Amino acid sequence: MSGGCSCNPEAGLTRLTVAGAQVGLQAVTELFEQWRAGQRKAGELSDQEILDGLRKHNYVGKSAEAEYAQAVRSLYERLC
């Protein structure tokens, strides 16, 4: 099917617990691949760098920035 239609709305979605709530984030796998390609370790990533990457495909509210950054950093550290 053309036109970018996806029969699976969950495709490309990473589920993560942020501040006690489960959220779905798009393009996290691609972000992790980019960091791996640059040989970046979790501890080297600043909150701002993580948030900038997330915000390319996701909404991150100002009040939850630190929680999102920590949750994504922890997942990256576990998986990569």
PDB file of N, CA and C in Angstrom:
ATOM      1  N   MET A   1       0.848  -1.172   0.000  1.00  0.00           N
ATOM      2  CA  MET A   1       0.000   0.000   0.000  1.00  0.00           C
ATOM      3  C   MET A   1       0.892   1.233   0.000  1.00  0.00           C
ATOM      4  N   SER A   2       0.597   2.186  -0.805  1.00  0.00           N
ATOM      5  CA  SER A   2       1.419   3.391  -0.903  1.00  0.00           C
ATOM      6  C   SER A   2       0.835   4.516  -0.066  1.00  0.00           C
ATOM      7  N   GLY A   3       1.544   5.613  -0.016  1.00  0.00           N
ATOM      8  CA  GLY A   3       1.050   6.780   0.702  1.00  0.00           C
ATOM      9  C   GLY A   3       1.405   6.792   2.173  1.00  0.00           C
ATOM     10  N   GLY A   4       2.257   5.874   2.598  1.00  0.00           N
ATOM     11  CA  GLY A   4       2.694   5.882   3.992  1.00  0.00           C
ATOM     12  C   GLY A   4       1.682   5.314   4.972  1.00  0.00           C
ATOM     13  N   CYS A   5       0.644   4.669   4.467  1.00  0.00           N
ATOM     14  CA  CYS A   5      -0.349   4.069   5.347  1.00  0.00           C
ATOM     15  C   CYS A   5       0.257   2.885   6.080  1.00  0.00           C
ATOM     16  N   SER A   6       0.015   2.801   7.355  1.00  0.00           N
ATOM     17  CA  SER A   6       0.527   1.686   8.133  1.00  0.00           C
ATOM     18  C   SER A   6      -0.638   0.909   8.712  1.00  0.00           C
ATOM     19  N   CYS A   7      -0.666  -0.358   8.417  1.00  0.00           N
ATOM     20  CA  CYS A   7      -1.723  -1.207   8.963  1.00  0.00           C
ATOM     21  C   CYS A   7      -1.470  -1.527  10.431  1.00  0.00           C
ATOM     22  N   ASN A   8      -0.267  -1.234  10.906  1.00  0.00           N
ATOM     23  CA  ASN A   8       0.084  -1.502  12.289  1.00  0.00           C
ATOM     24  C   ASN A   8       0.525  -0.191  12.947  1.00  0.00           C
ATOM     25  N   PRO A   9      -0.388   0.488  13.643  1.00  0.00           N
ATOM     26  CA  PRO A   9      -0.018   1.762  14.257  1.00  0.00           C
ATOM     27  C   PRO A   9       1.042   1.635  15.345  1.00  0.00           C
ATOM     28  N   GLU A  10       1.297   0.410  15.815  1.00  0.00           N
ATOM     29  CA  GLU A  10       2.317   0.172  16.840  1.00  0.00           C
ATOM     30  C   GLU A  10       3.716   0.033  16.235  1.00  0.00           C
ATOM     31  N   ALA A  11       3.808  -0.096  14.921  1.00  0.00           N
ATOM     32  CA  ALA A  11       5.107  -0.280  14.268  1.00  0.00           C
ATOM     33  C   ALA A  11       6.003   0.920  14.570  1.00  0.00           C
ATOM     34  N   GLY A  12       7.215   0.627  14.986  1.00  0.00           N
ATOM     35  CA  GLY A  12       8.165   1.698  15.279  1.00  0.00           C
ATOM     36  C   GLY A  12       7.953   2.361  16.627  1.00  0.00           C
ATOM     37  N   LEU A  13       7.045   1.830  17.414  1.00  0.00           N
ATOM     38  CA  LEU A  13       6.715   2.420  18.704  1.00  0.00           C
ATOM     39  C   LEU A  13       7.455   1.687  19.820  1.00  0.00           C
ATOM     40  N   THR A  14       8.109   2.446  20.667  1.00  0.00           N
ATOM     41  CA  THR A  14       8.779   1.892  21.838  1.00  0.00           C
ATOM     42  C   THR A  14       7.989   2.298  23.065  1.00  0.00           C
ATOM     43  N   ARG A  15       7.567   1.334  23.835  1.00  0.00           N
ATOM     44  CA  ARG A  15       6.835   1.618  25.078  1.00  0.00           C
ATOM     45  C   ARG A  15       7.833   1.732  26.217  1.00  0.00           C
ATOM     46  N   LEU A  16       7.632   2.756  27.039  1.00  0.00           N
ATOM     47  CA  LEU A  16       8.565   3.072  28.105  1.00  0.00           C
ATOM     48  C   LEU A  16       7.798   3.681  29.260  1.00  0.00           C
ATOM     49  N   THR A  17       8.216   3.398  30.478  1.00  0.00           N
ATOM     50  CA  THR A  17       7.584   4.007  31.642  1.00  0.00           C
ATOM     51  C   THR A  17       8.345   5.277  31.996  1.00  0.00           C
ATOM     52  N   VAL A  18       7.622   6.373  32.005  1.00  0.00           N
ATOM     53  CA  VAL A  18       8.189   7.687  32.317  1.00  0.00           C
ATOM     54  C   VAL A  18       7.371   8.288  33.451  1.00  0.00           C
ATOM     55  N   ALA A  19       8.020   8.564  34.553  1.00  0.00           N
ATOM     56  CA  ALA A  19       7.354   9.160  35.717  1.00  0.00           C
ATOM     57  C   ALA A  19       6.126   8.352  36.128  1.00  0.00           C
ATOM     58  N   GLY A  20       6.238   7.020  36.065  1.00  0.00           N
ATOM     59  CA  GLY A  20       5.164   6.141  36.508  1.00  0.00           C
ATOM     60  C   GLY A  20       4.069   5.891  35.499  1.00  0.00           C
ATOM     61  N   ALA A  21       4.149   6.488  34.316  1.00  0.00           N
ATOM     62  CA  ALA A  21       3.133   6.289  33.287  1.00  0.00           C
ATOM     63  C   ALA A  21       3.763   5.674  32.046  1.00  0.00           C
ATOM     64  N   GLN A  22       3.040   4.742  31.417  1.00  0.00           N
ATOM     65  CA  GLN A  22       3.562   4.147  30.192  1.00  0.00           C
ATOM     66  C   GLN A  22       3.285   5.084  29.027  1.00  0.00           C
ATOM     67  N   VAL A  23       4.331   5.332  28.226  1.00  0.00           N
ATOM     68  CA  VAL A  23       4.201   6.185  27.044  1.00  0.00           C
ATOM     69  C   VAL A  23       4.719   5.415  25.841  1.00  0.00           C
ATOM     70  N   GLY A  24       4.280   5.811  24.670  1.00  0.00           N
ATOM     71  CA  GLY A  24       4.773   5.252  23.423  1.00  0.00           C
ATOM     72  C   GLY A  24       5.590   6.306  22.710  1.00  0.00           C
ATOM     73  N   LEU A  25       6.800   5.951  22.335  1.00  0.00           N
ATOM     74  CA  LEU A  25       7.691   6.888  21.659  1.00  0.00           C
ATOM     75  C   LEU A  25       8.052   6.358  20.278  1.00  0.00           C
ATOM     76  N   GLN A  26       8.013   7.235  19.289  1.00  0.00           N
ATOM     77  CA  GLN A  26       8.382   6.888  17.925  1.00  0.00           C
ATOM     78  C   GLN A  26       9.873   7.101  17.697  1.00  0.00           C
ATOM     79  N   ALA A  27      10.445   6.295  16.824  1.00  0.00           N
ATOM     80  CA  ALA A  27      11.804   6.450  16.300  1.00  0.00           C
ATOM     81  C   ALA A  27      12.910   6.323  17.349  1.00  0.00           C
ATOM     82  N   VAL A  28      12.642   5.658  18.459  1.00  0.00           N
ATOM     83  CA  VAL A  28      13.673   5.464  19.482  1.00  0.00           C
ATOM     84  C   VAL A  28      14.757   4.526  18.955  1.00  0.00           C
ATOM     85  N   THR A  29      14.378   3.493  18.231  1.00  0.00           N
ATOM     86  CA  THR A  29      15.351   2.562  17.667  1.00  0.00           C
ATOM     87  C   THR A  29      16.329   3.296  16.759  1.00  0.00           C
ATOM     88  N   GLU A  30      15.819   4.181  15.926  1.00  0.00           N
ATOM     89  CA  GLU A  30      16.676   4.946  15.032  1.00  0.00           C
ATOM     90  C   GLU A  30      17.614   5.860  15.811  1.00  0.00           C
ATOM     91  N   LEU A  31      17.118   6.446  16.862  1.00  0.00           N
ATOM     92  CA  LEU A  31      17.935   7.317  17.710  1.00  0.00           C
ATOM     93  C   LEU A  31      19.063   6.514  18.353  1.00  0.00           C
ATOM     94  N   PHE A  32      18.742   5.332  18.868  1.00  0.00           N
ATOM     95  CA  PHE A  32      19.753   4.473  19.472  1.00  0.00           C
ATOM     96  C   PHE A  32      20.797   4.049  18.434  1.00  0.00           C
ATOM     97  N   GLU A  33      20.358   3.744  17.223  1.00  0.00           N
ATOM     98  CA  GLU A  33      21.296   3.363  16.161  1.00  0.00           C
ATOM     99  C   GLU A  33      22.249   4.508  15.840  1.00  0.00           C
ATOM    100  N   GLN A  34      21.729   5.710  15.829  1.00  0.00           N
ATOM    101  CA  GLN A  34      22.558   6.887  15.573  1.00  0.00           C
ATOM    102  C   GLN A  34      23.615   7.042  16.670  1.00  0.00           C
ATOM    103  N   TRP A  35      23.220   6.892  17.904  1.00  0.00           N
ATOM    104  CA  TRP A  35      24.164   7.014  19.017  1.00  0.00           C
ATOM    105  C   TRP A  35      25.203   5.895  18.973  1.00  0.00           C
ATOM    106  N   ARG A  36      24.761   4.683  18.677  1.00  0.00           N
ATOM    107  CA  ARG A  36      25.705   3.559  18.573  1.00  0.00           C
ATOM    108  C   ARG A  36      26.711   3.791  17.462  1.00  0.00           C
ATOM    109  N   ALA A  37      26.238   4.291  16.324  1.00  0.00           N
ATOM    110  CA  ALA A  37      27.126   4.553  15.190  1.00  0.00           C
ATOM    111  C   ALA A  37      28.199   5.576  15.562  1.00  0.00           C
ATOM    112  N   GLY A  38      27.841   6.509  16.435  1.00  0.00           N
ATOM    113  CA  GLY A  38      28.791   7.505  16.914  1.00  0.00           C
ATOM    114  C   GLY A  38      29.571   7.035  18.131  1.00  0.00           C
ATOM    115  N   GLN A  39      29.391   5.759  18.491  1.00  0.00           N
ATOM    116  CA  GLN A  39      30.053   5.137  19.645  1.00  0.00           C
ATOM    117  C   GLN A  39      29.804   5.919  20.943  1.00  0.00           C
ATOM    118  N   ARG A  40      28.573   6.398  21.073  1.00  0.00           N
ATOM    119  CA  ARG A  40      28.181   7.146  22.261  1.00  0.00           C
ATOM    120  C   ARG A  40      27.710   6.193  23.340  1.00  0.00           C
ATOM    121  N   LYS A  41      28.159   6.417  24.546  1.00  0.00           N
ATOM    122  CA  LYS A  41      27.707   5.647  25.704  1.00  0.00           C
ATOM    123  C   LYS A  41      26.611   6.437  26.413  1.00  0.00           C
ATOM    124  N   ALA A  42      25.773   5.729  27.149  1.00  0.00           N
ATOM    125  CA  ALA A  42      24.639   6.356  27.817  1.00  0.00           C
ATOM    126  C   ALA A  42      25.072   7.517  28.712  1.00  0.00           C
ATOM    127  N   GLY A  43      26.154   7.326  29.465  1.00  0.00           N
ATOM    128  CA  GLY A  43      26.620   8.358  30.381  1.00  0.00           C
ATOM    129  C   GLY A  43      27.166   9.597  29.697  1.00  0.00           C
ATOM    130  N   GLU A  44      27.459   9.493  28.411  1.00  0.00           N
ATOM    131  CA  GLU A  44      27.982  10.628  27.651  1.00  0.00           C
ATOM    132  C   GLU A  44      26.889  11.528  27.091  1.00  0.00           C
ATOM    133  N   LEU A  45      25.658  11.039  27.094  1.00  0.00           N
ATOM    134  CA  LEU A  45      24.551  11.780  26.488  1.00  0.00           C
ATOM    135  C   LEU A  45      23.969  12.781  27.471  1.00  0.00           C
ATOM    136  N   SER A  46      23.890  14.025  27.052  1.00  0.00           N
ATOM    137  CA  SER A  46      23.274  15.043  27.904  1.00  0.00           C
ATOM    138  C   SER A  46      21.753  14.939  27.798  1.00  0.00           C
ATOM    139  N   ASP A  47      21.071  15.440  28.809  1.00  0.00           N
ATOM    140  CA  ASP A  47      19.609  15.466  28.758  1.00  0.00           C
ATOM    141  C   ASP A  47      19.151  16.198  27.501  1.00  0.00           C
ATOM    142  N   GLN A  48      19.801  17.307  27.180  1.00  0.00           N
ATOM    143  CA  GLN A  48      19.384  18.109  26.027  1.00  0.00           C
ATOM    144  C   GLN A  48      19.538  17.333  24.722  1.00  0.00           C
ATOM    145  N   GLU A  49      20.612  16.586  24.595  1.00  0.00           N
ATOM    146  CA  GLU A  49      20.831  15.784  23.392  1.00  0.00           C
ATOM    147  C   GLU A  49      19.742  14.715  23.249  1.00  0.00           C
ATOM    148  N   ILE A  50      19.407  14.075  24.346  1.00  0.00           N
ATOM    149  CA  ILE A  50      18.350  13.061  24.327  1.00  0.00           C
ATOM    150  C   ILE A  50      17.016  13.700  23.953  1.00  0.00           C
ATOM    151  N   LEU A  51      16.691  14.804  24.586  1.00  0.00           N
ATOM    152  CA  LEU A  51      15.416  15.480  24.315  1.00  0.00           C
ATOM    153  C   LEU A  51      15.335  15.991  22.888  1.00  0.00           C
ATOM    154  N   ASP A  52      16.426  16.523  22.380  1.00  0.00           N
ATOM    155  CA  ASP A  52      16.434  16.994  20.988  1.00  0.00           C
ATOM    156  C   ASP A  52      16.137  15.841  20.037  1.00  0.00           C
ATOM    157  N   GLY A  53      16.745  14.676  20.293  1.00  0.00           N
ATOM    158  CA  GLY A  53      16.485  13.502  19.466  1.00  0.00           C
ATOM    159  C   GLY A  53      15.044  13.034  19.571  1.00  0.00           C
ATOM    160  N   LEU A  54      14.519  12.981  20.776  1.00  0.00           N
ATOM    161  CA  LEU A  54      13.131  12.548  20.978  1.00  0.00           C
ATOM    162  C   LEU A  54      12.138  13.484  20.298  1.00  0.00           C
ATOM    163  N   ARG A  55      12.388  14.761  20.412  1.00  0.00           N
ATOM    164  CA  ARG A  55      11.429  15.754  19.903  1.00  0.00           C
ATOM    165  C   ARG A  55      11.332  15.798  18.388  1.00  0.00           C
ATOM    166  N   LYS A  56      12.218  15.136  17.695  1.00  0.00           N
ATOM    167  CA  LYS A  56      12.099  15.068  16.232  1.00  0.00           C
ATOM    168  C   LYS A  56      10.843  14.311  15.827  1.00  0.00           C
ATOM    169  N   HIS A  57      10.384  13.380  16.702  1.00  0.00           N
ATOM    170  CA  HIS A  57       9.226  12.538  16.362  1.00  0.00           C
ATOM    171  C   HIS A  57       8.198  12.428  17.481  1.00  0.00           C
ATOM    172  N   ASN A  58       8.452  13.087  18.617  1.00  0.00           N
ATOM    173  CA  ASN A  58       7.578  12.935  19.782  1.00  0.00           C
ATOM    174  C   ASN A  58       7.388  14.273  20.488  1.00  0.00           C
ATOM    175  N   TYR A  59       6.288  14.370  21.191  1.00  0.00           N
ATOM    176  CA  TYR A  59       6.069  15.523  22.066  1.00  0.00           C
ATOM    177  C   TYR A  59       6.608  15.181  23.446  1.00  0.00           C
ATOM    178  N   VAL A  60       7.409  16.083  23.990  1.00  0.00           N
ATOM    179  CA  VAL A  60       7.900  15.944  25.363  1.00  0.00           C
ATOM    180  C   VAL A  60       7.600  17.262  26.066  1.00  0.00           C
ATOM    181  N   GLY A  61       6.715  17.211  27.059  1.00  0.00           N
ATOM    182  CA  GLY A  61       6.353  18.415  27.802  1.00  0.00           C
ATOM    183  C   GLY A  61       7.503  18.901  28.675  1.00  0.00           C
ATOM    184  N   LYS A  62       7.591  20.184  28.840  1.00  0.00           N
ATOM    185  CA  LYS A  62       8.659  20.797  29.640  1.00  0.00           C
ATOM    186  C   LYS A  62       8.707  20.234  31.060  1.00  0.00           C
ATOM    187  N   SER A  63       7.552  19.981  31.641  1.00  0.00           N
ATOM    188  CA  SER A  63       7.517  19.535  33.041  1.00  0.00           C
ATOM    189  C   SER A  63       8.033  18.113  33.231  1.00  0.00           C
ATOM    190  N   ALA A  64       8.172  17.352  32.137  1.00  0.00           N
ATOM    191  CA  ALA A  64       8.614  15.957  32.254  1.00  0.00           C
ATOM    192  C   ALA A  64       9.952  15.711  31.560  1.00  0.00           C
ATOM    193  N   GLU A  65      10.663  16.750  31.204  1.00  0.00           N
ATOM    194  CA  GLU A  65      11.912  16.594  30.456  1.00  0.00           C
ATOM    195  C   GLU A  65      12.919  15.695  31.158  1.00  0.00           C
ATOM    196  N   ALA A  66      13.173  15.949  32.408  1.00  0.00           N
ATOM    197  CA  ALA A  66      14.184  15.169  33.138  1.00  0.00           C
ATOM    198  C   ALA A  66      13.794  13.696  33.211  1.00  0.00           C
ATOM    199  N   GLU A  67      12.515  13.414  33.418  1.00  0.00           N
ATOM    200  CA  GLU A  67      12.049  12.038  33.514  1.00  0.00           C
ATOM    201  C   GLU A  67      12.180  11.312  32.178  1.00  0.00           C
ATOM    202  N   TYR A  68      11.840  11.991  31.074  1.00  0.00           N
ATOM    203  CA  TYR A  68      11.997  11.392  29.748  1.00  0.00           C
ATOM    204  C   TYR A  68      13.463  11.110  29.465  1.00  0.00           C
ATOM    205  N   ALA A  69      14.323  12.079  29.734  1.00  0.00           N
ATOM    206  CA  ALA A  69      15.755  11.905  29.469  1.00  0.00           C
ATOM    207  C   ALA A  69      16.307  10.721  30.259  1.00  0.00           C
ATOM    208  N   GLN A  70      15.948  10.620  31.516  1.00  0.00           N
ATOM    209  CA  GLN A  70      16.449   9.524  32.348  1.00  0.00           C
ATOM    210  C   GLN A  70      15.922   8.176  31.880  1.00  0.00           C
ATOM    211  N   ALA A  71      14.647   8.108  31.542  1.00  0.00           N
ATOM    212  CA  ALA A  71      14.054   6.841  31.092  1.00  0.00           C
ATOM    213  C   ALA A  71      14.691   6.371  29.786  1.00  0.00           C
ATOM    214  N   VAL A  72      14.902   7.281  28.853  1.00  0.00           N
ATOM    215  CA  VAL A  72      15.508   6.915  27.569  1.00  0.00           C
ATOM    216  C   VAL A  72      16.974   6.541  27.769  1.00  0.00           C
ATOM    217  N   ARG A  73      17.689   7.287  28.594  1.00  0.00           N
ATOM    218  CA  ARG A  73      19.096   6.973  28.878  1.00  0.00           C
ATOM    219  C   ARG A  73      19.217   5.575  29.503  1.00  0.00           C
ATOM    220  N   SER A  74      18.345   5.260  30.440  1.00  0.00           N
ATOM    221  CA  SER A  74      18.366   3.946  31.095  1.00  0.00           C
ATOM    222  C   SER A  74      18.084   2.827  30.106  1.00  0.00           C
ATOM    223  N   LEU A  75      17.117   3.014  29.237  1.00  0.00           N
ATOM    224  CA  LEU A  75      16.804   2.005  28.230  1.00  0.00           C
ATOM    225  C   LEU A  75      17.980   1.821  27.282  1.00  0.00           C
ATOM    226  N   TYR A  76      18.573   2.896  26.841  1.00  0.00           N
ATOM    227  CA  TYR A  76      19.723   2.822  25.950  1.00  0.00           C
ATOM    228  C   TYR A  76      20.874   2.063  26.612  1.00  0.00           C
ATOM    229  N   GLU A  77      21.093   2.344  27.866  1.00  0.00           N
ATOM    230  CA  GLU A  77      22.162   1.676  28.600  1.00  0.00           C
ATOM    231  C   GLU A  77      21.899   0.164  28.710  1.00  0.00           C
ATOM    232  N   ARG A  78      20.652  -0.212  28.964  1.00  0.00           N
ATOM    233  CA  ARG A  78      20.294  -1.634  29.077  1.00  0.00           C
ATOM    234  C   ARG A  78      20.412  -2.357  27.741  1.00  0.00           C
ATOM    235  N   LEU A  79      19.966  -1.722  26.667  1.00  0.00           N
ATOM    236  CA  LEU A  79      19.904  -2.393  25.369  1.00  0.00           C
ATOM    237  C   LEU A  79      21.192  -2.305  24.568  1.00  0.00           C
ATOM    238  N   CYS A  80      21.966  -1.289  24.833  1.00  0.00           N
ATOM    239  CA  CYS A  80      23.138  -1.045  23.980  1.00  0.00           C
ATOM    240  C   CYS A  80      24.400  -1.143  24.775  1.00  0.00           C
TER     241      CYS A  80
END
